[in-house]
């Protein structure tokens, strides 16, 4: 693998290059600008007598590039990084585990990154261009939150990526938009025009012509017969039937239609029948935003089994949802995850594209401070997403709107007192004015939405209610002080576990929460916890103070 890779220490390095038909590509070559981030600093290794105090055990464990040896001497049991036992008796060894050893080395090679870690997309640009650029320059993968944005704003971001991080790793979100199909089509056209080489596909219930076009348009066969998939797809799924669609080649009917329309070549159509839709499939467990709230321990194993049955292991399976601490990262890797994806916790980063007010609310969230509410983009389908409950009326008000939608055929069916309550408390303006704003909005974004609502009172009601759901996100990202109680903040329980983990440390203040620093501490801490697990399996009972990764403490 070109660029930063696994650090020194025993064990295999990256394997040989991709074999015939694998569709795998090496990462960026020398001179690409890829460089490590700031990263945690390990204490000096224990090289003298084995240390028997808790700090000594921790010090030996924290030197991840060196083995940690548990040795029995005349004075008792201690830990050291020195292989010269000096007459002591070796009880157990925790192998060297630098963070780059966690997950699949092929993820590092194919995406050109130094750790099997990804910051997932957060819609509306919350996973901002600044966040993605920060990670790319640190040798890590981030996904721009393009979902819900108009094409002109997405294009401005792609120009930044082209100019500021050429050759560095990044991804862009491609969200399934059944009610706004034009936005999905426009995003794909932009990604092809600007040669975006990796998309994170989310909220898909089935494959669409647009995502199949993106995949097929990047296929080519080399002189030696290998198929190269230039356009990579990381599919985020929470259901096995959806995962299977991404683990297989695209349906022949979609491929044929694209070829007939001239959107892909005949050669690309033939190759598309041989290549799975995705390079990576992310198991999305109990996450913020769109989620089925499944536990990772229930979702990941069957996905791994499905992958092995369909692809023989060539597709990587990652873990998302609930990833907010080193323990969670280490657990996901121990279950077989090839990479991990963080989401909710990155909203509190300096680089996140949301307001300080929103970040402050998220920074005090606990693990039980989330609940489900209707989603704006799939409101009529009854799809829900997970949001912050603490300090917010949004979940309750959004559910009330959906109940009204299900119980009525249009606004005219509302009793006078219901309409008055909506206008005074929820919308804070007349519903007629909201409809006019809605018309103006969709005339620029997707005029077909208004056409479908003409003569259809229930559809009109849905669009008016979606105004509130959409504006609640904009109020949060913009920090609208008068609508704090109506903020829609996508958030899963990982936010609470992260806040608990960083309490009292340098990462507690919002101004210190840089996305690359958090990533490095999560991966370093997970490597540390892996070594602790090795010793526990070997029967070593560590001092309680030595068995947890330590963040630098906050200075008062």
Protein backbone atom coordinates (compact mmCIF):
# COMPACT_ATOMS: atom_id res chain seq x y z
CA UNK A 1 0.00 0.00 0.00
CA UNK A 2 1.28 3.43 -0.92
CA UNK A 3 1.21 6.17 1.66
CA UNK A 4 1.13 5.65 5.45
CA UNK A 5 0.34 2.11 6.45
CA UNK A 6 0.82 -0.20 9.43
CA UNK A 7 3.58 0.83 11.79
CA UNK A 8 6.59 -1.32 12.70
CA UNK A 9 6.24 -4.48 14.72
CA UNK A 10 5.85 -8.18 14.15
CA UNK A 11 3.21 -9.65 11.88
CA UNK A 12 2.36 -9.47 8.20
CA UNK A 13 2.28 -6.23 6.29
CA UNK A 14 -0.13 -5.53 3.43
CA UNK A 15 -0.56 -8.49 1.16
CA UNK A 16 0.17 -8.73 -2.55
CA UNK A 17 -1.68 -6.64 -5.08
CA UNK A 18 -5.15 -7.51 -6.30
CA UNK A 19 -5.59 -10.70 -8.21
CA UNK A 20 -7.40 -11.17 -11.53
CA UNK A 21 -11.00 -10.03 -11.47
CA UNK A 22 -10.84 -8.71 -7.92
CA UNK A 23 -11.77 -5.15 -8.81
CA UNK A 24 -9.38 -3.87 -6.14
CA UNK A 25 -7.11 -0.90 -6.61
CA UNK A 26 -4.07 0.39 -4.75
CA UNK A 27 -4.23 3.61 -2.78
CA UNK A 28 -2.58 6.90 -3.78
CA UNK A 29 1.08 6.66 -4.63
CA UNK A 30 4.08 8.55 -3.27
CA UNK A 31 3.75 12.29 -3.38
CA UNK A 32 -0.02 12.18 -3.02
CA UNK A 33 0.05 14.40 0.07
CA UNK A 34 -1.35 11.72 2.37
CA UNK A 35 0.07 12.12 5.85
CA UNK A 36 -0.70 10.93 9.36
CA UNK A 37 -2.78 13.04 11.70
CA UNK A 38 -1.63 14.30 15.09
CA UNK A 39 -2.34 11.01 16.86
CA UNK A 40 -1.96 10.12 20.52
CA UNK A 41 1.56 9.93 21.95
CA UNK A 42 2.55 6.68 23.68
CA UNK A 43 4.49 6.79 26.96
CA UNK A 44 8.09 5.53 26.96
CA UNK A 45 8.34 1.72 26.83
CA UNK A 46 9.08 -0.30 29.95
CA UNK A 47 12.60 -1.59 29.26
CA UNK A 48 14.07 -2.29 32.69
CA UNK A 49 12.68 -4.42 35.47
CA UNK A 50 9.02 -5.45 34.97
CA UNK A 51 6.71 -2.85 36.49
CA UNK A 52 4.30 -4.18 39.13
CA UNK A 53 2.32 -0.98 39.80
CA UNK A 54 -0.87 -0.12 37.83
CA UNK A 55 0.83 2.73 35.96
CA UNK A 56 3.61 0.38 34.93
CA UNK A 57 1.16 -2.18 33.58
CA UNK A 58 -0.60 0.59 31.67
CA UNK A 59 2.68 1.96 30.32
CA UNK A 60 3.70 -1.43 28.95
CA UNK A 61 0.25 -1.97 27.39
CA UNK A 62 0.12 1.50 25.84
CA UNK A 63 3.25 0.91 23.74
CA UNK A 64 1.27 -0.66 20.95
CA UNK A 65 4.22 -1.11 18.60
CA UNK A 66 5.94 -3.44 21.07
CA UNK A 67 4.80 -6.71 22.65
CA UNK A 68 3.63 -6.49 26.26
CA UNK A 69 5.07 -9.33 28.37
CA UNK A 70 3.63 -10.37 31.72
CA UNK A 71 6.49 -11.77 33.81
CA UNK A 72 6.69 -13.39 37.22
CA UNK A 73 9.78 -12.46 39.24
CA UNK A 74 10.85 -12.96 42.84
CA UNK A 75 9.19 -9.63 43.66
CA UNK A 76 5.86 -10.52 42.02
CA UNK A 77 4.08 -10.26 38.67
CA UNK A 78 4.87 -7.29 36.45
CA UNK A 79 4.67 -6.02 32.86
CA UNK A 80 7.44 -5.05 30.46
CA UNK A 81 8.09 -4.36 26.79
CA UNK A 82 11.55 -5.94 27.00
CA UNK A 83 11.98 -9.49 25.67
CA UNK A 84 15.00 -10.09 27.92
CA UNK A 85 13.27 -11.59 30.94
CA UNK A 86 16.38 -11.53 33.15
CA UNK A 87 15.52 -14.82 34.84
CA UNK A 88 11.81 -14.11 35.25
CA UNK A 89 9.10 -16.53 34.15
CA UNK A 90 6.95 -15.55 31.18
CA UNK A 91 3.23 -15.86 31.97
CA UNK A 92 1.58 -14.25 28.92
CA UNK A 93 2.23 -12.01 25.94
CA UNK A 94 0.02 -9.42 24.26
CA UNK A 95 1.22 -9.04 20.69
CA UNK A 96 2.04 -5.67 19.17
CA UNK A 97 -1.18 -4.18 17.78
CA UNK A 98 -0.77 -0.77 16.15
CA UNK A 99 -4.13 0.76 15.12
CA UNK A 100 -3.53 -0.04 11.44
CA UNK A 101 -3.77 -3.76 12.29
CA UNK A 102 -7.43 -3.44 13.26
CA UNK A 103 -9.80 -4.43 10.47
CA UNK A 104 -8.94 -5.38 6.91
CA UNK A 105 -5.62 -4.34 5.42
CA UNK A 106 -7.34 -4.31 2.02
CA UNK A 107 -9.49 -1.39 3.24
CA UNK A 108 -6.29 0.59 3.81
CA UNK A 109 -4.93 -0.38 0.41
CA UNK A 110 -8.05 0.22 -1.66
CA UNK A 111 -9.09 3.51 -0.06
CA UNK A 112 -5.56 4.84 0.43
CA UNK A 113 -5.93 5.38 4.18
CA UNK A 114 -3.87 4.49 7.25
CA UNK A 115 -6.64 3.06 9.46
CA UNK A 116 -9.78 1.00 8.73
CA UNK A 117 -11.93 3.89 9.93
CA UNK A 118 -14.53 6.07 8.27
CA UNK A 119 -16.54 9.11 9.34
CA UNK A 120 -19.95 8.49 7.81
CA UNK A 121 -22.11 11.04 6.05
CA UNK A 122 -24.47 13.27 7.99
CA UNK A 123 -27.10 14.86 5.74
CA UNK A 124 -27.47 18.52 4.96
CA UNK A 125 -23.74 19.11 4.94
CA UNK A 126 -23.33 18.39 8.66
CA UNK A 127 -20.55 16.06 7.53
CA UNK A 128 -19.05 19.14 5.96
CA UNK A 129 -16.40 19.77 3.33
CA UNK A 130 -14.09 20.97 6.13
CA UNK A 131 -14.62 17.70 8.01
CA UNK A 132 -13.86 15.57 4.96
CA UNK A 133 -10.80 17.63 4.03
CA UNK A 134 -9.45 17.46 7.59
CA UNK A 135 -9.71 13.67 7.56
CA UNK A 136 -8.29 13.31 4.05
CA UNK A 137 -5.19 15.30 4.98
CA UNK A 138 -4.79 13.08 8.05
CA UNK A 139 -4.93 9.93 5.90
CA UNK A 140 -8.47 8.96 6.91
CA UNK A 141 -11.75 8.55 5.04
CA UNK A 142 -14.72 10.86 5.50
CA UNK A 143 -18.01 11.02 3.61
CA UNK A 144 -19.51 14.37 2.65
CA UNK A 145 -23.14 14.74 3.75
CA UNK A 146 -24.63 15.58 0.37
CA UNK A 147 -28.09 14.21 1.18
CA UNK A 148 -30.75 16.90 1.04
CA UNK A 149 -28.52 19.48 -0.68
CA UNK A 150 -29.24 21.06 -4.04
CA UNK A 151 -26.86 20.31 -6.93
CA UNK A 152 -25.25 23.75 -6.99
CA UNK A 153 -24.12 23.44 -3.37
CA UNK A 154 -22.81 19.90 -3.94
CA UNK A 155 -20.88 21.12 -6.96
CA UNK A 156 -19.20 23.89 -4.97
CA UNK A 157 -17.99 21.26 -2.50
CA UNK A 158 -16.71 18.99 -5.28
CA UNK A 159 -14.71 21.90 -6.67
CA UNK A 160 -13.11 22.31 -3.24
CA UNK A 161 -12.22 18.61 -3.10
CA UNK A 162 -10.74 18.76 -6.58
CA UNK A 163 -8.62 21.80 -5.73
CA UNK A 164 -7.71 21.17 -2.08
CA UNK A 165 -7.29 17.39 -1.72
CA UNK A 166 -6.40 16.02 -5.16
CA UNK A 167 -5.47 12.35 -4.91
CA UNK A 168 -6.48 12.06 -1.26
CA UNK A 169 -9.21 9.76 0.09
CA UNK A 170 -12.79 10.98 0.41
CA UNK A 171 -16.34 9.83 -0.24
CA UNK A 172 -19.65 11.55 -0.94
CA UNK A 173 -23.06 10.45 0.22
CA UNK A 174 -25.63 9.19 -2.27
CA UNK A 175 -29.00 8.80 -0.59
CA UNK A 176 -32.03 7.00 -1.95
CA UNK A 177 -34.67 9.70 -2.49
CA UNK A 178 -37.90 8.02 -3.62
CA UNK A 179 -39.84 11.28 -3.32
CA UNK A 180 -37.11 13.40 -4.94
CA UNK A 181 -35.63 11.19 -7.62
CA UNK A 182 -34.23 14.17 -9.54
CA UNK A 183 -31.84 14.93 -6.69
CA UNK A 184 -30.40 11.41 -6.79
CA UNK A 185 -29.96 11.63 -10.55
CA UNK A 186 -28.32 15.06 -10.32
CA UNK A 187 -25.91 13.88 -7.62
CA UNK A 188 -24.77 10.94 -9.75
CA UNK A 189 -24.23 13.19 -12.74
CA UNK A 190 -22.07 15.50 -10.63
CA UNK A 191 -20.08 12.60 -9.16
CA UNK A 192 -19.34 11.27 -12.64
CA UNK A 193 -18.42 14.70 -13.98
CA UNK A 194 -16.04 15.45 -11.10
CA UNK A 195 -14.68 11.89 -10.99
CA UNK A 196 -15.72 11.19 -7.42
CA UNK A 197 -14.27 7.73 -6.91
CA UNK A 198 -16.18 6.64 -3.80
CA UNK A 199 -19.79 7.10 -2.69
CA UNK A 200 -21.46 6.05 0.53
CA UNK A 201 -24.93 4.78 -0.42
CA UNK A 202 -27.53 5.13 2.31
CA UNK A 203 -31.27 4.61 2.94
CA UNK A 204 -31.63 2.32 -0.11
CA UNK A 205 -34.52 -0.12 -0.04
CA UNK A 206 -33.77 -1.34 -3.56
CA UNK A 207 -31.29 -0.50 -6.29
CA UNK A 208 -32.09 2.43 -8.55
CA UNK A 209 -30.93 3.15 -12.10
CA UNK A 210 -28.84 6.04 -10.79
CA UNK A 211 -26.63 4.09 -8.39
CA UNK A 212 -26.26 1.29 -10.94
CA UNK A 213 -25.17 3.87 -13.51
CA UNK A 214 -22.54 5.24 -11.13
CA UNK A 215 -21.09 1.78 -10.54
CA UNK A 216 -21.18 0.62 -14.16
CA UNK A 217 -19.74 3.86 -15.56
CA UNK A 218 -16.47 3.16 -13.72
CA UNK A 219 -15.94 -0.40 -14.97
CA UNK A 220 -13.18 -1.40 -17.35
CA UNK A 221 -11.21 -4.52 -18.21
CA UNK A 222 -7.42 -4.43 -18.26
CA UNK A 223 -5.21 -6.07 -20.87
CA UNK A 224 -4.62 -9.04 -18.58
CA UNK A 225 -8.35 -9.64 -18.13
CA UNK A 226 -8.90 -8.03 -14.74
CA UNK A 227 -12.04 -5.97 -14.09
CA UNK A 228 -11.29 -2.67 -12.43
CA UNK A 229 -14.11 -0.83 -10.66
CA UNK A 230 -12.97 2.78 -10.58
CA UNK A 231 -16.18 3.94 -8.90
CA UNK A 232 -16.33 2.37 -5.45
CA UNK A 233 -19.54 1.99 -3.43
CA UNK A 234 -19.77 1.70 0.35
CA UNK A 235 -23.36 0.62 1.00
CA UNK A 236 -24.87 1.30 4.41
CA UNK A 237 -27.58 -1.26 5.21
CA UNK A 238 -29.59 -2.57 8.14
CA UNK A 239 -31.42 -5.43 6.39
CA UNK A 240 -30.09 -8.61 4.87
CA UNK A 241 -32.27 -8.40 1.75
CA UNK A 242 -30.86 -4.96 0.95
CA UNK A 243 -27.32 -6.13 1.66
CA UNK A 244 -27.77 -9.00 -0.76
CA UNK A 245 -28.69 -6.61 -3.56
CA UNK A 246 -25.42 -4.76 -3.06
CA UNK A 247 -23.39 -7.97 -2.77
CA UNK A 248 -24.62 -9.21 -6.16
CA UNK A 249 -24.24 -7.68 -9.64
CA UNK A 250 -26.93 -5.21 -10.67
CA UNK A 251 -30.16 -6.64 -12.13
CA UNK A 252 -29.95 -7.30 -15.87
CA UNK A 253 -33.04 -5.17 -16.52
CA UNK A 254 -31.46 -2.05 -15.01
CA UNK A 255 -28.19 -2.61 -16.82
CA UNK A 256 -29.96 -3.09 -20.16
CA UNK A 257 -32.05 0.06 -19.71
CA UNK A 258 -28.97 2.14 -18.97
CA UNK A 259 -27.17 0.79 -22.02
CA UNK A 260 -30.21 1.41 -24.25
CA UNK A 261 -30.38 5.01 -23.00
CA UNK A 262 -26.69 5.47 -23.81
CA UNK A 263 -25.78 6.18 -20.17
CA UNK A 264 -23.25 3.33 -20.07
CA UNK A 265 -21.39 1.58 -22.88
CA UNK A 266 -22.06 -1.94 -24.11
CA UNK A 267 -18.71 -3.02 -22.63
CA UNK A 268 -19.64 -1.53 -19.26
CA UNK A 269 -23.00 -3.29 -19.41
CA UNK A 270 -21.28 -6.65 -19.92
CA UNK A 271 -18.84 -6.01 -17.07
CA UNK A 272 -21.61 -4.85 -14.73
CA UNK A 273 -23.12 -8.32 -14.93
CA UNK A 274 -19.94 -9.76 -13.39
CA UNK A 275 -19.13 -7.29 -10.57
CA UNK A 276 -20.96 -6.89 -7.23
CA UNK A 277 -22.56 -3.51 -6.74
CA UNK A 278 -20.53 -2.67 -3.63
CA UNK A 279 -16.92 -2.97 -2.53
CA UNK A 280 -17.92 -2.46 1.11
CA UNK A 281 -21.18 -3.06 2.97
CA UNK A 282 -21.66 -1.33 6.31
CA UNK A 283 -23.89 -2.91 8.94
CA UNK A 284 -25.84 0.06 10.28
CA UNK A 285 -27.06 -0.80 13.75
CA UNK A 286 -28.49 1.58 16.39
CA UNK A 287 -27.39 4.82 14.70
CA UNK A 288 -28.62 8.38 14.51
CA UNK A 289 -30.85 9.32 11.58
CA UNK A 290 -32.25 6.52 9.42
CA UNK A 291 -31.97 3.31 11.43
CA UNK A 292 -33.80 0.12 12.32
CA UNK A 293 -32.21 0.32 15.79
CA UNK A 294 -30.85 -3.21 15.57
CA UNK A 295 -28.03 -4.24 17.87
CA UNK A 296 -24.68 -4.61 16.16
CA UNK A 297 -24.13 -8.01 17.74
CA UNK A 298 -27.35 -9.22 16.07
CA UNK A 299 -26.83 -7.59 12.66
CA UNK A 300 -23.12 -8.02 11.93
CA UNK A 301 -22.74 -11.84 12.14
CA UNK A 302 -25.47 -12.68 9.59
CA UNK A 303 -24.13 -10.00 7.25
CA UNK A 304 -20.68 -11.58 7.48
CA UNK A 305 -22.22 -14.97 6.77
CA UNK A 306 -24.12 -13.62 3.77
CA UNK A 307 -20.95 -12.00 2.44
CA UNK A 308 -18.99 -15.24 2.74
CA UNK A 309 -21.74 -17.22 1.01
CA UNK A 310 -22.11 -14.80 -1.91
CA UNK A 311 -18.63 -13.42 -2.52
CA UNK A 312 -16.20 -15.71 -0.77
CA UNK A 313 -15.08 -12.82 1.41
CA UNK A 314 -14.09 -10.38 -1.36
CA UNK A 315 -16.58 -7.76 -0.16
CA UNK A 316 -15.69 -6.09 3.12
CA UNK A 317 -18.29 -5.70 5.88
CA UNK A 318 -18.01 -2.77 8.27
CA UNK A 319 -19.74 -1.75 11.49
CA UNK A 320 -21.71 1.43 12.19
CA UNK A 321 -24.16 2.49 14.87
CA UNK A 322 -23.14 2.71 18.50
CA UNK A 323 -19.47 3.36 17.68
CA UNK A 324 -18.49 6.04 20.18
CA UNK A 325 -15.76 4.56 22.39
CA UNK A 326 -12.62 2.43 22.01
CA UNK A 327 -14.52 -0.45 23.62
CA UNK A 328 -17.13 -0.29 20.84
CA UNK A 329 -14.49 -0.18 18.09
CA UNK A 330 -12.60 -3.11 19.63
CA UNK A 331 -15.82 -5.10 20.02
CA UNK A 332 -16.80 -4.53 16.39
CA UNK A 333 -13.39 -5.65 15.15
CA UNK A 334 -13.49 -8.68 17.45
CA UNK A 335 -16.83 -9.67 15.87
CA UNK A 336 -15.21 -9.58 12.44
CA UNK A 337 -15.80 -6.03 11.16
CA UNK A 338 -13.38 -5.08 8.40
CA UNK A 339 -13.73 -1.37 9.24
CA UNK A 340 -15.72 0.89 11.55
CA UNK A 341 -17.88 3.93 10.79
CA UNK A 342 -18.64 6.75 13.23
CA UNK A 343 -21.54 9.16 12.85
CA UNK A 344 -23.33 10.88 15.72
CA UNK A 345 -20.17 11.74 17.62
CA UNK A 346 -18.75 13.72 14.69
CA UNK A 347 -21.56 16.27 14.92
CA UNK A 348 -19.80 17.71 17.97
CA UNK A 349 -16.53 18.19 16.10
CA UNK A 350 -15.12 21.61 15.35
CA UNK A 351 -15.34 20.83 11.63
CA UNK A 352 -19.00 19.70 11.63
CA UNK A 353 -21.37 21.85 9.59
CA UNK A 354 -23.84 22.58 12.35
CA UNK A 355 -24.32 25.31 14.91
CA UNK A 356 -22.57 25.75 18.22
CA UNK A 357 -25.97 25.61 19.90
CA UNK A 358 -26.66 22.19 18.38
CA UNK A 359 -23.21 20.92 19.33
CA UNK A 360 -23.70 22.10 22.89
CA UNK A 361 -26.99 20.19 23.18
CA UNK A 362 -25.40 17.02 21.81
CA UNK A 363 -22.39 17.36 24.12
CA UNK A 364 -24.55 16.78 27.21
CA UNK A 365 -26.63 13.93 25.79
CA UNK A 366 -26.78 10.60 27.60
CA UNK A 367 -27.22 7.14 26.16
CA UNK A 368 -30.99 7.19 26.84
CA UNK A 369 -31.65 10.65 25.43
CA UNK A 370 -32.72 9.57 21.92
CA UNK A 371 -36.00 8.50 20.34
CA UNK A 372 -37.61 7.93 16.94
CA UNK A 373 -39.46 10.54 14.88
CA UNK A 374 -40.84 10.77 11.31
CA UNK A 375 -38.31 11.40 8.55
CA UNK A 376 -38.83 14.36 6.23
CA UNK A 377 -37.57 12.63 3.09
CA UNK A 378 -39.81 9.54 3.50
CA UNK A 379 -42.64 11.02 5.54
CA UNK A 380 -45.51 9.49 3.55
CA UNK A 381 -43.92 6.03 3.82
CA UNK A 382 -43.89 6.21 7.62
CA UNK A 383 -40.09 5.92 7.78
CA UNK A 384 -38.59 7.13 11.04
CA UNK A 385 -35.18 8.30 12.17
CA UNK A 386 -33.44 8.56 15.52
CA UNK A 387 -33.03 12.03 17.02
CA UNK A 388 -32.08 13.75 20.24
CA UNK A 389 -34.94 13.97 22.74
CA UNK A 390 -33.26 15.86 25.58
CA UNK A 391 -34.19 19.53 25.47
CA UNK A 392 -36.28 19.14 22.29
CA UNK A 393 -39.99 19.15 21.47
CA UNK A 394 -39.28 18.06 17.90
CA UNK A 395 -39.84 14.29 18.33
CA UNK A 396 -43.23 14.81 19.97
CA UNK A 397 -44.41 17.45 17.49
CA UNK A 398 -43.21 15.45 14.48
CA UNK A 399 -45.12 12.37 15.67
CA UNK A 400 -48.25 14.47 16.15
CA UNK A 401 -47.99 15.66 12.55
CA UNK A 402 -47.73 12.10 11.28
CA UNK A 403 -50.75 11.05 13.33
CA UNK A 404 -52.74 13.91 11.79
CA UNK A 405 -51.56 12.88 8.34
CA UNK A 406 -52.74 9.30 8.84
CA UNK A 407 -56.11 10.35 10.31
CA UNK A 408 -57.12 13.01 7.76
CA UNK A 409 -57.42 13.48 4.00
CA UNK A 410 -56.38 17.13 4.04
CA UNK A 411 -55.92 20.30 6.05
CA UNK A 412 -59.62 21.12 5.60
CA UNK A 413 -60.52 18.12 7.78
CA UNK A 414 -58.81 19.58 10.86
CA UNK A 415 -61.01 20.91 13.67
CA UNK A 416 -60.50 24.62 14.17
CA UNK A 417 -58.73 24.15 17.50
CA UNK A 418 -56.24 21.67 15.97
CA UNK A 419 -55.33 24.05 13.18
CA UNK A 420 -54.98 26.92 15.65
CA UNK A 421 -52.67 24.87 17.85
CA UNK A 422 -50.49 23.91 14.89
CA UNK A 423 -50.22 27.50 13.68
CA UNK A 424 -49.47 28.94 17.12
CA UNK A 425 -47.19 26.30 18.65
CA UNK A 426 -45.62 24.14 15.96
CA UNK A 427 -45.42 26.24 12.78
CA UNK A 428 -45.72 29.69 14.43
CA UNK A 429 -47.30 30.99 11.24
CA UNK A 430 -50.42 30.33 9.17
CA UNK A 431 -50.56 27.07 7.21
CA UNK A 432 -51.44 29.09 4.10
CA UNK A 433 -48.15 30.97 4.40
CA UNK A 434 -46.30 27.70 4.93
CA UNK A 435 -47.84 26.34 1.72
CA UNK A 436 -46.67 29.36 -0.23
CA UNK A 437 -43.14 28.87 1.08
CA UNK A 438 -43.37 25.20 0.16
CA UNK A 439 -44.40 26.03 -3.41
CA UNK A 440 -41.51 28.48 -3.81
CA UNK A 441 -39.07 25.93 -2.38
CA UNK A 442 -40.05 23.05 -4.65
CA UNK A 443 -40.28 25.23 -7.76
CA UNK A 444 -36.51 25.57 -7.46
CA UNK A 445 -35.80 22.08 -6.13
CA UNK A 446 -38.28 19.69 -7.75
CA UNK A 447 -41.40 21.21 -9.41
CA UNK A 448 -42.96 17.78 -9.85
CA UNK A 449 -43.62 17.71 -6.11
CA UNK A 450 -46.08 20.60 -6.45
CA UNK A 451 -47.68 19.13 -9.56
CA UNK A 452 -48.38 15.91 -7.70
CA UNK A 453 -50.03 17.90 -4.89
CA UNK A 454 -52.46 19.82 -7.12
CA UNK A 455 -55.91 18.38 -6.63
CA UNK A 456 -54.57 16.03 -3.95
CA UNK A 457 -55.29 17.47 -0.48
CA UNK A 458 -53.50 14.65 1.36
CA UNK A 459 -50.34 15.15 -0.68
CA UNK A 460 -50.53 18.90 -0.03
CA UNK A 461 -50.89 18.21 3.70
CA UNK A 462 -47.80 15.98 3.60
CA UNK A 463 -45.71 18.70 1.94
CA UNK A 464 -46.83 21.27 4.52
CA UNK A 465 -45.88 18.93 7.34
CA UNK A 466 -42.56 18.19 5.66
CA UNK A 467 -41.89 21.94 5.80
CA UNK A 468 -41.68 21.70 9.58
CA UNK A 469 -39.55 18.56 9.47
CA UNK A 470 -37.16 20.12 6.98
CA UNK A 471 -36.96 23.50 8.69
CA UNK A 472 -36.25 21.86 12.06
CA UNK A 473 -32.98 20.58 10.62
CA UNK A 474 -32.14 23.98 9.14
CA UNK A 475 -32.88 25.71 12.45
CA UNK A 476 -30.43 23.35 14.14
CA UNK A 477 -27.62 23.73 11.61
CA UNK A 478 -28.10 27.49 11.49
CA UNK A 479 -28.48 27.87 15.25
CA UNK A 480 -31.82 29.69 15.12
CA UNK A 481 -32.16 30.87 18.75
CA UNK A 482 -35.95 31.26 18.67
CA UNK A 483 -36.49 27.63 17.62
CA UNK A 484 -34.09 25.74 19.90
CA UNK A 485 -36.87 23.49 21.21
CA UNK A 486 -37.68 22.49 17.63
CA UNK A 487 -34.15 21.43 16.65
CA UNK A 488 -34.01 18.12 14.81
CA UNK A 489 -30.68 16.58 15.82
CA UNK A 490 -29.91 13.14 14.38
CA UNK A 491 -28.35 11.23 17.21
CA UNK A 492 -27.87 7.67 18.45
CA UNK A 493 -26.80 6.32 21.84
CA UNK A 494 -23.14 6.45 20.77
CA UNK A 495 -23.30 10.19 21.48
CA UNK A 496 -24.02 9.51 25.15
CA UNK A 497 -21.34 6.85 25.52
CA UNK A 498 -18.82 9.16 23.84
CA UNK A 499 -19.71 12.02 26.20
CA UNK A 500 -19.25 9.70 29.18
CA UNK A 501 -15.89 8.47 27.84
CA UNK A 502 -14.41 11.96 27.30
CA UNK A 503 -15.72 13.50 30.53
CA UNK A 504 -12.85 15.20 32.38
CA UNK A 505 -10.47 14.77 29.44
CA UNK A 506 -9.07 17.16 26.86
CA UNK A 507 -11.84 16.04 24.49
CA UNK A 508 -14.65 17.24 26.73
CA UNK A 509 -14.56 20.90 25.58
CA UNK A 510 -16.16 21.37 22.17
CA UNK A 511 -13.23 23.45 20.93
CA UNK A 512 -10.91 20.44 21.31
CA UNK A 513 -13.08 17.95 19.46
CA UNK A 514 -11.33 17.79 16.11
CA UNK A 515 -12.57 14.97 13.89
CA UNK A 516 -9.12 13.50 13.15
CA UNK A 517 -8.01 13.63 16.78
CA UNK A 518 -11.15 11.77 17.87
CA UNK A 519 -10.56 9.18 15.16
CA UNK A 520 -6.98 8.59 16.29
CA UNK A 521 -7.92 8.22 19.95
CA UNK A 522 -10.73 5.80 19.09
CA UNK A 523 -8.47 3.58 17.00
CA UNK A 524 -5.52 3.78 19.39
CA UNK A 525 -7.80 3.05 22.33
CA UNK A 526 -9.31 0.10 20.47
CA UNK A 527 -5.85 -1.33 19.79
CA UNK A 528 -5.11 -0.92 23.51
CA UNK A 529 -8.33 -2.75 24.44
CA UNK A 530 -7.42 -5.53 22.01
CA UNK A 531 -4.22 -6.12 23.98
CA UNK A 532 -6.13 -6.09 27.25
CA UNK A 533 -8.45 -8.74 25.81
CA UNK A 534 -5.47 -10.87 24.77
CA UNK A 535 -4.18 -10.89 28.34
CA UNK A 536 -7.60 -11.61 29.84
CA UNK A 537 -8.00 -14.63 27.58
CA UNK A 538 -4.57 -15.78 28.78
CA UNK A 539 -5.81 -15.60 32.37
CA UNK A 540 -4.03 -12.40 33.40
CA UNK A 541 -5.92 -10.26 35.92
CA UNK A 542 -4.86 -6.66 35.36
CA UNK A 543 -5.14 -3.93 37.98
CA UNK A 544 -8.45 -2.10 37.32
CA UNK A 545 -6.61 1.18 36.76
CA UNK A 546 -4.49 -0.38 34.01
CA UNK A 547 -7.20 -1.96 31.85
CA UNK A 548 -8.74 1.16 30.28
CA UNK A 549 -7.31 3.48 27.63
CA UNK A 550 -6.49 6.87 29.12
CA UNK A 551 -7.26 10.12 27.40
CA UNK A 552 -5.10 13.10 28.41
CA UNK A 553 -6.80 14.80 31.33
CA UNK A 554 -8.32 18.23 31.04
CA UNK A 555 -6.34 20.98 32.70
CA UNK A 556 -8.51 23.12 34.95
